[in-house]
Amino acid sequence: MKRRVGLQSSGPIKAKSKVKKHLRKDGSVKRGYTKTGKVSLATLRTSADNLARADCHSRGECQLSFWQKVRPPKTTGGKCKGSLQWAHIVKRHNLEVRHDPDNCWLLCDSCHRYFEDHPDEFYLATEALDPGRHDYLHAQMRDKRNTDIRVIYLEWIAFYKSKRSAA
């Protein structure tokens, strides 16, 4: 019998399998992925948060500073101070509108704290600056209530990325 020279088989030929990038060599799932290979909700939320926050911070100054002049709170002496923060008109636990650019203000630390402690004043200030915004946001929440949150996150990520690339 002739002997084959060259490649020698070490067993049956295995079909090439897809490389599963979301799994480590030990079989555990990498951070930011689910077992099925999808990007995790936490990763999507963080990505959408970072994009929305950056967009909000591009506004540059405290947007409710005019309210300090109308009704100066005792805690700040009527002046904006502290770092600028991403604040929500409708609380951020409402995931349907959490990343909506119409649902955010850029507030200084003192205004943010003041309005967190005085939600009625916050409502008045918001309505003075943009009448009907609360009603619009609550309508958006109702419209998206039955939508998969993963789809909502992906839409906002695409929105902010396209807005960033257009600028």
Foldseek 3Di string as FASTA:
>chain_A
DDDDPDDDDPDDDDDDDDDQPQADPVGDGDPQADSVNHGDPVNLVVLLVVLLFVVQCVVPAFPLLVVLVVPNDPVPNSGADAQWDWDFLPDCVLLLCNSPNLGTTTHHPVVRVVCVVPVVVSVVSCCVVPNPSVVVVVVSSVVCVPPDSSVSSVVSSVVSVVVVVVD
